[in-house]
C-alpha atoms as a PDB file:
ATOM      1  CA  UNK A   1     -30.750  29.681-116.993  1.00  0.00           C
ATOM      2  CA  UNK A   2     -27.751  27.830-115.443  1.00  0.00           C
ATOM      3  CA  UNK A   3     -28.425  25.449-112.865  1.00  0.00           C
ATOM      4  CA  UNK A   4     -26.495  23.750-110.331  1.00  0.00           C
ATOM      5  CA  UNK A   5     -27.808  21.239-107.410  1.00  0.00           C
ATOM      6  CA  UNK A   6     -25.758  20.638-104.394  1.00  0.00           C
ATOM      7  CA  UNK A   7     -26.724  17.512-102.025  1.00  0.00           C
ATOM      8  CA  UNK A   8     -26.131  18.779 -98.592  1.00  0.00           C
ATOM      9  CA  UNK A   9     -25.967  16.501 -95.493  1.00  0.00           C
ATOM     10  CA  UNK A  10     -27.613  18.006 -92.383  1.00  0.00           C
ATOM     11  CA  UNK A  11     -27.638  14.985 -90.067  1.00  0.00           C
ATOM     12  CA  UNK A  12     -31.277  13.885 -90.876  1.00  0.00           C
ATOM     13  CA  UNK A  13     -30.150  11.091 -93.086  1.00  0.00           C
ATOM     14  CA  UNK A  14     -31.497  12.497 -96.209  1.00  0.00           C
ATOM     15  CA  UNK A  15     -29.587  15.241 -97.826  1.00  0.00           C
ATOM     16  CA  UNK A  16     -31.028  18.666 -98.737  1.00  0.00           C
ATOM     17  CA  UNK A  17     -31.088  19.745-102.258  1.00  0.00           C
ATOM     18  CA  UNK A  18     -29.721  23.198-102.597  1.00  0.00           C
ATOM     19  CA  UNK A  19     -30.039  24.931-106.003  1.00  0.00           C
ATOM     20  CA  UNK A  20     -28.046  27.681-107.460  1.00  0.00           C
ATOM     21  CA  UNK A  21     -29.818  29.656-110.365  1.00  0.00           C
ATOM     22  CA  UNK A  22     -27.836  32.158-112.434  1.00  0.00           C
ATOM     23  CA  UNK A  23     -29.494  34.356-115.297  1.00  0.00           C
ATOM     24  CA  UNK A  24     -26.877  33.795-118.178  1.00  0.00           C
ATOM     25  CA  UNK A  25     -27.110  37.373-119.255  1.00  0.00           C
ATOM     26  CA  UNK A  26     -27.123  39.561-116.246  1.00  0.00           C
ATOM     27  CA  UNK A  27     -25.370  37.002-113.947  1.00  0.00           C
ATOM     28  CA  UNK A  28     -28.056  37.588-111.317  1.00  0.00           C
ATOM     29  CA  UNK A  29     -28.139  34.638-108.898  1.00  0.00           C
ATOM     30  CA  UNK A  30     -30.456  33.026-106.568  1.00  0.00           C
ATOM     31  CA  UNK A  31     -29.600  30.394-104.012  1.00  0.00           C
ATOM     32  CA  UNK A  32     -32.657  28.139-102.982  1.00  0.00           C
ATOM     33  CA  UNK A  33     -32.286  26.435 -99.381  1.00  0.00           C
ATOM     34  CA  UNK A  34     -28.794  26.827 -98.548  1.00  0.00           C
ATOM     35  CA  UNK A  35     -28.397  24.036 -95.905  1.00  0.00           C
ATOM     36  CA  UNK A  36     -24.660  24.070 -95.487  1.00  0.00           C
ATOM     37  CA  UNK A  37     -21.395  23.430 -97.579  1.00  0.00           C
ATOM     38  CA  UNK A  38     -20.933  27.285 -97.580  1.00  0.00           C
ATOM     39  CA  UNK A  39     -17.591  26.981 -99.183  1.00  0.00           C
ATOM     40  CA  UNK A  40     -18.944  24.987-102.014  1.00  0.00           C
ATOM     41  CA  UNK A  41     -21.797  27.134-102.768  1.00  0.00           C
ATOM     42  CA  UNK A  42     -19.713  30.262-102.799  1.00  0.00           C
ATOM     43  CA  UNK A  43     -17.257  28.392-105.073  1.00  0.00           C
ATOM     44  CA  UNK A  44     -19.953  27.557-107.415  1.00  0.00           C
ATOM     45  CA  UNK A  45     -21.361  31.125-107.606  1.00  0.00           C
ATOM     46  CA  UNK A  46     -17.680  32.146-108.252  1.00  0.00           C
ATOM     47  CA  UNK A  47     -17.324  29.615-111.092  1.00  0.00           C
ATOM     48  CA  UNK A  48     -20.693  30.543-112.557  1.00  0.00           C
ATOM     49  CA  UNK A  49     -19.840  34.281-112.475  1.00  0.00           C
ATOM     50  CA  UNK A  50     -22.795  35.009-110.257  1.00  0.00           C
ATOM     51  CA  UNK A  51     -23.937  37.794-108.483  1.00  0.00           C
ATOM     52  CA  UNK A  52     -26.146  36.796-105.370  1.00  0.00           C
ATOM     53  CA  UNK A  53     -29.248  38.525-105.403  1.00  0.00           C
ATOM     54  CA  UNK A  54     -31.825  36.275-103.550  1.00  0.00           C
ATOM     55  CA  UNK A  55     -31.485  33.489-100.969  1.00  0.00           C
ATOM     56  CA  UNK A  56     -34.853  31.826-101.238  1.00  0.00           C
ATOM     57  CA  UNK A  57     -36.191  29.597 -98.438  1.00  0.00           C
ATOM     58  CA  UNK A  58     -39.212  27.260 -99.467  1.00  0.00           C
ATOM     59  CA  UNK A  59     -39.975  26.909 -95.938  1.00  0.00           C
ATOM     60  CA  UNK A  60     -38.251  27.379 -92.322  1.00  0.00           C
ATOM     61  CA  UNK A  61     -36.995  23.871 -91.376  1.00  0.00           C
ATOM     62  CA  UNK A  62     -33.310  23.870 -89.825  1.00  0.00           C
ATOM     63  CA  UNK A  63     -32.361  21.339 -92.652  1.00  0.00           C
ATOM     64  CA  UNK A  64     -33.070  24.128 -95.195  1.00  0.00           C
ATOM     65  CA  UNK A  65     -31.812  27.228 -93.510  1.00  0.00           C
ATOM     66  CA  UNK A  66     -28.610  26.380 -91.772  1.00  0.00           C
ATOM     67  CA  UNK A  67     -26.207  27.995 -94.078  1.00  0.00           C
ATOM     68  CA  UNK A  68     -28.212  31.254 -94.723  1.00  0.00           C
ATOM     69  CA  UNK A  69     -26.244  33.713 -92.216  1.00  0.00           C
ATOM     70  CA  UNK A  70     -23.047  32.565 -93.440  1.00  0.00           C
ATOM     71  CA  UNK A  71     -23.947  32.917 -97.149  1.00  0.00           C
ATOM     72  CA  UNK A  72     -25.583  36.398 -96.464  1.00  0.00           C
ATOM     73  CA  UNK A  73     -22.646  37.718 -94.607  1.00  0.00           C
ATOM     74  CA  UNK A  74     -20.052  36.675 -97.466  1.00  0.00           C
ATOM     75  CA  UNK A  75     -22.249  37.094-100.277  1.00  0.00           C
ATOM     76  CA  UNK A  76     -24.829  39.450 -99.789  1.00  0.00           C
ATOM     77  CA  UNK A  77     -28.363  38.723-101.088  1.00  0.00           C
ATOM     78  CA  UNK A  78     -31.907  39.398 -99.806  1.00  0.00           C
ATOM     79  CA  UNK A  79     -33.406  36.507 -97.796  1.00  0.00           C
ATOM     80  CA  UNK A  80     -37.042  35.716 -99.233  1.00  0.00           C
ATOM     81  CA  UNK A  81     -39.631  33.428 -97.227  1.00  0.00           C
ATOM     82  CA  UNK A  82     -43.386  33.247 -97.336  1.00  0.00           C
ATOM     83  CA  UNK A  83     -44.580  35.554 -94.396  1.00  0.00           C
ATOM     84  CA  UNK A  84     -46.361  32.554 -92.867  1.00  0.00           C
ATOM     85  CA  UNK A  85     -43.046  30.761 -92.154  1.00  0.00           C
ATOM     86  CA  UNK A  86     -41.005  34.043 -91.208  1.00  0.00           C
ATOM     87  CA  UNK A  87     -41.902  33.621 -87.765  1.00  0.00           C
ATOM     88  CA  UNK A  88     -40.536  30.102 -87.627  1.00  0.00           C
ATOM     89  CA  UNK A  89     -36.991  31.345 -88.751  1.00  0.00           C
ATOM     90  CA  UNK A  90     -36.068  31.980 -85.064  1.00  0.00           C
ATOM     91  CA  UNK A  91     -38.569  29.601 -83.276  1.00  0.00           C
ATOM     92  CA  UNK A  92     -36.729  26.264 -82.532  1.00  0.00           C
ATOM     93  CA  UNK A  93     -40.115  24.600 -81.866  1.00  0.00           C
ATOM     94  CA  UNK A  94     -41.204  25.349 -85.512  1.00  0.00           C
ATOM     95  CA  UNK A  95     -37.950  25.140 -87.257  1.00  0.00           C
ATOM     96  CA  UNK A  96     -36.898  22.079 -85.327  1.00  0.00           C
ATOM     97  CA  UNK A  97     -33.076  22.807 -85.166  1.00  0.00           C
ATOM     98  CA  UNK A  98     -32.775  21.139 -81.734  1.00  0.00           C
ATOM     99  CA  UNK A  99     -34.247  17.909 -83.053  1.00  0.00           C
ATOM    100  CA  UNK A 100     -31.862  17.515 -85.859  1.00  0.00           C
ATOM    101  CA  UNK A 101     -28.651  18.030 -84.075  1.00  0.00           C
ATOM    102  CA  UNK A 102     -28.225  21.900 -85.263  1.00  0.00           C
ATOM    103  CA  UNK A 103     -27.484  24.751 -82.936  1.00  0.00           C
ATOM    104  CA  UNK A 104     -29.877  27.945 -82.672  1.00  0.00           C
ATOM    105  CA  UNK A 105     -30.135  29.948 -85.764  1.00  0.00           C
ATOM    106  CA  UNK A 106     -30.550  33.660 -85.652  1.00  0.00           C
ATOM    107  CA  UNK A 107     -32.178  34.633 -88.833  1.00  0.00           C
ATOM    108  CA  UNK A 108     -34.512  37.393 -90.126  1.00  0.00           C
ATOM    109  CA  UNK A 109     -36.115  37.385 -93.620  1.00  0.00           C
ATOM    110  CA  UNK A 110     -35.522  40.678 -95.700  1.00  0.00           C
ATOM    111  CA  UNK A 111     -38.648  40.446 -97.713  1.00  0.00           C
ATOM    112  CA  UNK A 112     -41.893  38.214 -97.003  1.00  0.00           C
ATOM    113  CA  UNK A 113     -43.394  36.959 -99.927  1.00  0.00           C
ATOM    114  CA  UNK A 114     -46.983  35.909-100.778  1.00  0.00           C
ATOM    115  CA  UNK A 115     -48.799  33.873-103.098  1.00  0.00           C
ATOM    116  CA  UNK A 116     -48.641  34.865-106.790  1.00  0.00           C
ATOM    117  CA  UNK A 117     -45.655  37.252-106.212  1.00  0.00           C
ATOM    118  CA  UNK A 118     -43.115  37.476-109.078  1.00  0.00           C
ATOM    119  CA  UNK A 119     -39.213  37.310-108.383  1.00  0.00           C
ATOM    120  CA  UNK A 120     -37.099  38.294-111.223  1.00  0.00           C
ATOM    121  CA  UNK A 121     -33.382  37.342-111.895  1.00  0.00           C
ATOM    122  CA  UNK A 122     -32.513  39.157-115.110  1.00  0.00           C
ATOM    123  CA  UNK A 123     -34.772  37.832-117.840  1.00  0.00           C
ATOM    124  CA  UNK A 124     -36.042  35.049-115.707  1.00  0.00           C
ATOM    125  CA  UNK A 125     -39.356  35.134-113.783  1.00  0.00           C
ATOM    126  CA  UNK A 126     -40.332  32.975-111.083  1.00  0.00           C
ATOM    127  CA  UNK A 127     -43.878  32.695-109.730  1.00  0.00           C
ATOM    128  CA  UNK A 128     -44.379  32.009-106.110  1.00  0.00           C
ATOM    129  CA  UNK A 129     -47.107  29.461-105.037  1.00  0.00           C
ATOM    130  CA  UNK A 130     -48.022  29.303-101.401  1.00  0.00           C
ATOM    131  CA  UNK A 131     -48.399  25.513-100.736  1.00  0.00           C
ATOM    132  CA  UNK A 132     -49.141  25.040 -97.151  1.00  0.00           C
ATOM    133  CA  UNK A 133     -49.023  21.467 -95.785  1.00  0.00           C
ATOM    134  CA  UNK A 134     -45.429  20.646 -94.782  1.00  0.00           C
ATOM    135  CA  UNK A 135     -45.332  23.814 -92.866  1.00  0.00           C
ATOM    136  CA  UNK A 136     -48.052  26.539 -92.880  1.00  0.00           C
ATOM    137  CA  UNK A 137     -45.713  28.723 -94.882  1.00  0.00           C
ATOM    138  CA  UNK A 138     -44.308  26.324 -97.410  1.00  0.00           C
ATOM    139  CA  UNK A 139     -43.855  27.540-100.881  1.00  0.00           C
ATOM    140  CA  UNK A 140     -42.663  26.738-104.311  1.00  0.00           C
ATOM    141  CA  UNK A 141     -41.260  28.591-107.220  1.00  0.00           C
ATOM    142  CA  UNK A 142     -42.499  28.077-110.832  1.00  0.00           C
ATOM    143  CA  UNK A 143     -40.484  29.536-113.763  1.00  0.00           C
ATOM    144  CA  UNK A 144     -42.695  29.042-116.942  1.00  0.00           C
ATOM    145  CA  UNK A 145     -39.827  29.962-119.386  1.00  0.00           C
ATOM    146  CA  UNK A 146     -37.777  26.925-118.118  1.00  0.00           C
ATOM    147  CA  UNK A 147     -40.612  24.802-117.444  1.00  0.00           C
ATOM    148  CA  UNK A 148     -39.468  23.946-113.836  1.00  0.00           C
ATOM    149  CA  UNK A 149     -40.838  23.853-110.362  1.00  0.00           C
ATOM    150  CA  UNK A 150     -38.616  24.325-107.206  1.00  0.00           C
ATOM    151  CA  UNK A 151     -40.924  22.233-104.837  1.00  0.00           C
ATOM    152  CA  UNK A 152     -39.399  22.264-101.518  1.00  0.00           C
ATOM    153  CA  UNK A 153     -40.686  19.559 -99.271  1.00  0.00           C
ATOM    154  CA  UNK A 154     -44.379  19.836-100.665  1.00  0.00           C
ATOM    155  CA  UNK A 155     -43.778  17.073-103.573  1.00  0.00           C
ATOM    156  CA  UNK A 156     -41.178  14.621-104.075  1.00  0.00           C
ATOM    157  CA  UNK A 157     -40.815  11.731-106.602  1.00  0.00           C
ATOM    158  CA  UNK A 158     -43.427   9.386-105.842  1.00  0.00           C
ATOM    159  CA  UNK A 159     -44.682  11.035-102.697  1.00  0.00           C
ATOM    160  CA  UNK A 160     -45.493  14.288-100.701  1.00  0.00           C
ATOM    161  CA  UNK A 161     -43.782  15.912 -97.730  1.00  0.00           C
ATOM    162  CA  UNK A 162     -44.205  15.178 -94.095  1.00  0.00           C
ATOM    163  CA  UNK A 163     -47.154  16.249 -92.112  1.00  0.00           C
ATOM    164  CA  UNK A 164     -46.495  15.166 -88.716  1.00  0.00           C
ATOM    165  CA  UNK A 165     -44.575  18.339 -87.919  1.00  0.00           C
ATOM    166  CA  UNK A 166     -45.633  21.658 -86.265  1.00  0.00           C
ATOM    167  CA  UNK A 167     -48.067  23.748 -88.352  1.00  0.00           C
ATOM    168  CA  UNK A 168     -48.171  20.757 -90.969  1.00  0.00           C
ATOM    169  CA  UNK A 169     -51.322  19.417 -92.368  1.00  0.00           C
ATOM    170  CA  UNK A 170     -52.228  16.414 -94.603  1.00  0.00           C
ATOM    171  CA  UNK A 171     -55.468  18.003 -95.683  1.00  0.00           C
ATOM    172  CA  UNK A 172     -53.468  21.368 -96.399  1.00  0.00           C
ATOM    173  CA  UNK A 173     -50.704  19.742 -98.401  1.00  0.00           C
ATOM    174  CA  UNK A 174     -53.169  17.527-100.435  1.00  0.00           C
ATOM    175  CA  UNK A 175     -55.191  20.871-101.309  1.00  0.00           C
ATOM    176  CA  UNK A 176     -51.871  22.822-102.195  1.00  0.00           C
ATOM    177  CA  UNK A 177     -50.888  19.785-104.647  1.00  0.00           C
ATOM    178  CA  UNK A 178     -54.284  19.226-106.224  1.00  0.00           C
ATOM    179  CA  UNK A 179     -55.174  22.860-106.692  1.00  0.00           C
ATOM    180  CA  UNK A 180     -51.770  24.324-107.789  1.00  0.00           C
ATOM    181  CA  UNK A 181     -49.069  22.077-108.514  1.00  0.00           C
ATOM    182  CA  UNK A 182     -50.666  19.347-110.924  1.00  0.00           C
ATOM    183  CA  UNK A 183     -52.364  21.981-112.695  1.00  0.00           C
ATOM    184  CA  UNK A 184     -48.931  22.842-114.269  1.00  0.00           C
ATOM    185  CA  UNK A 185     -48.017  21.525-117.544  1.00  0.00           C
ATOM    186  CA  UNK A 186     -47.091  17.623-117.931  1.00  0.00           C
ATOM    187  CA  UNK A 187     -43.521  18.628-118.941  1.00  0.00           C
ATOM    188  CA  UNK A 188     -42.750  20.652-116.007  1.00  0.00           C
ATOM    189  CA  UNK A 189     -39.580  19.440-114.250  1.00  0.00           C
ATOM    190  CA  UNK A 190     -39.802  19.056-110.504  1.00  0.00           C
ATOM    191  CA  UNK A 191     -36.811  19.896-108.390  1.00  0.00           C
ATOM    192  CA  UNK A 192     -37.645  18.711-104.882  1.00  0.00           C
ATOM    193  CA  UNK A 193     -36.059  19.502-101.568  1.00  0.00           C
ATOM    194  CA  UNK A 194     -34.834  16.040-101.143  1.00  0.00           C
ATOM    195  CA  UNK A 195     -34.425  13.087-103.466  1.00  0.00           C
ATOM    196  CA  UNK A 196     -34.314  12.903-107.203  1.00  0.00           C
ATOM    197  CA  UNK A 197     -35.862  15.290-109.734  1.00  0.00           C
ATOM    198  CA  UNK A 198     -38.925  14.182-111.710  1.00  0.00           C
ATOM    199  CA  UNK A 199     -41.567  15.105-114.294  1.00  0.00           C
ATOM    200  CA  UNK A 200     -44.830  16.315-113.378  1.00  0.00           C
ATOM    201  CA  UNK A 201     -46.517  13.992-115.956  1.00  0.00           C
ATOM    202  CA  UNK A 202     -45.138  11.180-113.762  1.00  0.00           C
ATOM    203  CA  UNK A 203     -46.455  12.587-110.504  1.00  0.00           C
ATOM    204  CA  UNK A 204     -49.978  13.531-111.538  1.00  0.00           C
ATOM    205  CA  UNK A 205     -51.677   9.919-111.614  1.00  0.00           C
ATOM    206  CA  UNK A 206     -50.777   9.522-107.857  1.00  0.00           C
ATOM    207  CA  UNK A 207     -52.989  12.485-106.939  1.00  0.00           C
ATOM    208  CA  UNK A 208     -55.618  12.169-109.631  1.00  0.00           C
ATOM    209  CA  UNK A 209     -56.137   8.734-108.058  1.00  0.00           C
ATOM    210  CA  UNK A 210     -56.297  10.040-104.586  1.00  0.00           C
ATOM    211  CA  UNK A 211     -58.487  12.960-105.057  1.00  0.00           C
ATOM    212  CA  UNK A 212     -61.792  11.010-105.230  1.00  0.00           C
ATOM    213  CA  UNK A 213     -60.963   9.504-101.917  1.00  0.00           C
ATOM    214  CA  UNK A 214     -59.670  12.546-100.249  1.00  0.00           C
ATOM    215  CA  UNK A 215     -62.200  15.003-101.232  1.00  0.00           C
END
């Protein structure tokens, strides 16, 4: 697997992490959360000799979806998002575009995904985890072969995603982390939607300590 990370500024003060994944044999490519910098994303796809197959959205917030229309128009690819967040793509009260200085986004998903769905890029297989909490349709992608998790805004280095936004829930995000994410192997690399990557073994103690207090 070839993996490139771009930190994209979206006027919210915390750059969004966009990930470009290429299967080395087939060159099939997936871009996760293209928040902007479309010229740079297209350049990297070209340099990596990629063929864009999927545009994967971990959730519907504007700081993760801004570049999708441009990328799809120029490179193709199917837009994937969990079905519970698909309605938020065109709802500014949910995707929050007016509140983060972005214009209205007109966007439709090509496929609405569900928990435990499998997404394939050549020989790479990614499993969908529905992880509600930051939004009701937040999701993560796990690749067992590469021992990595693309966690969106569900879990970060040392903390979890905001739960004071439309459709968010502190109870739901803790349940998602406790029942799905921290059950993964310790050596799993976590690539979050913002901030620095981390190892799951370094995050587990936070939630193992919190669990008796929350449930």
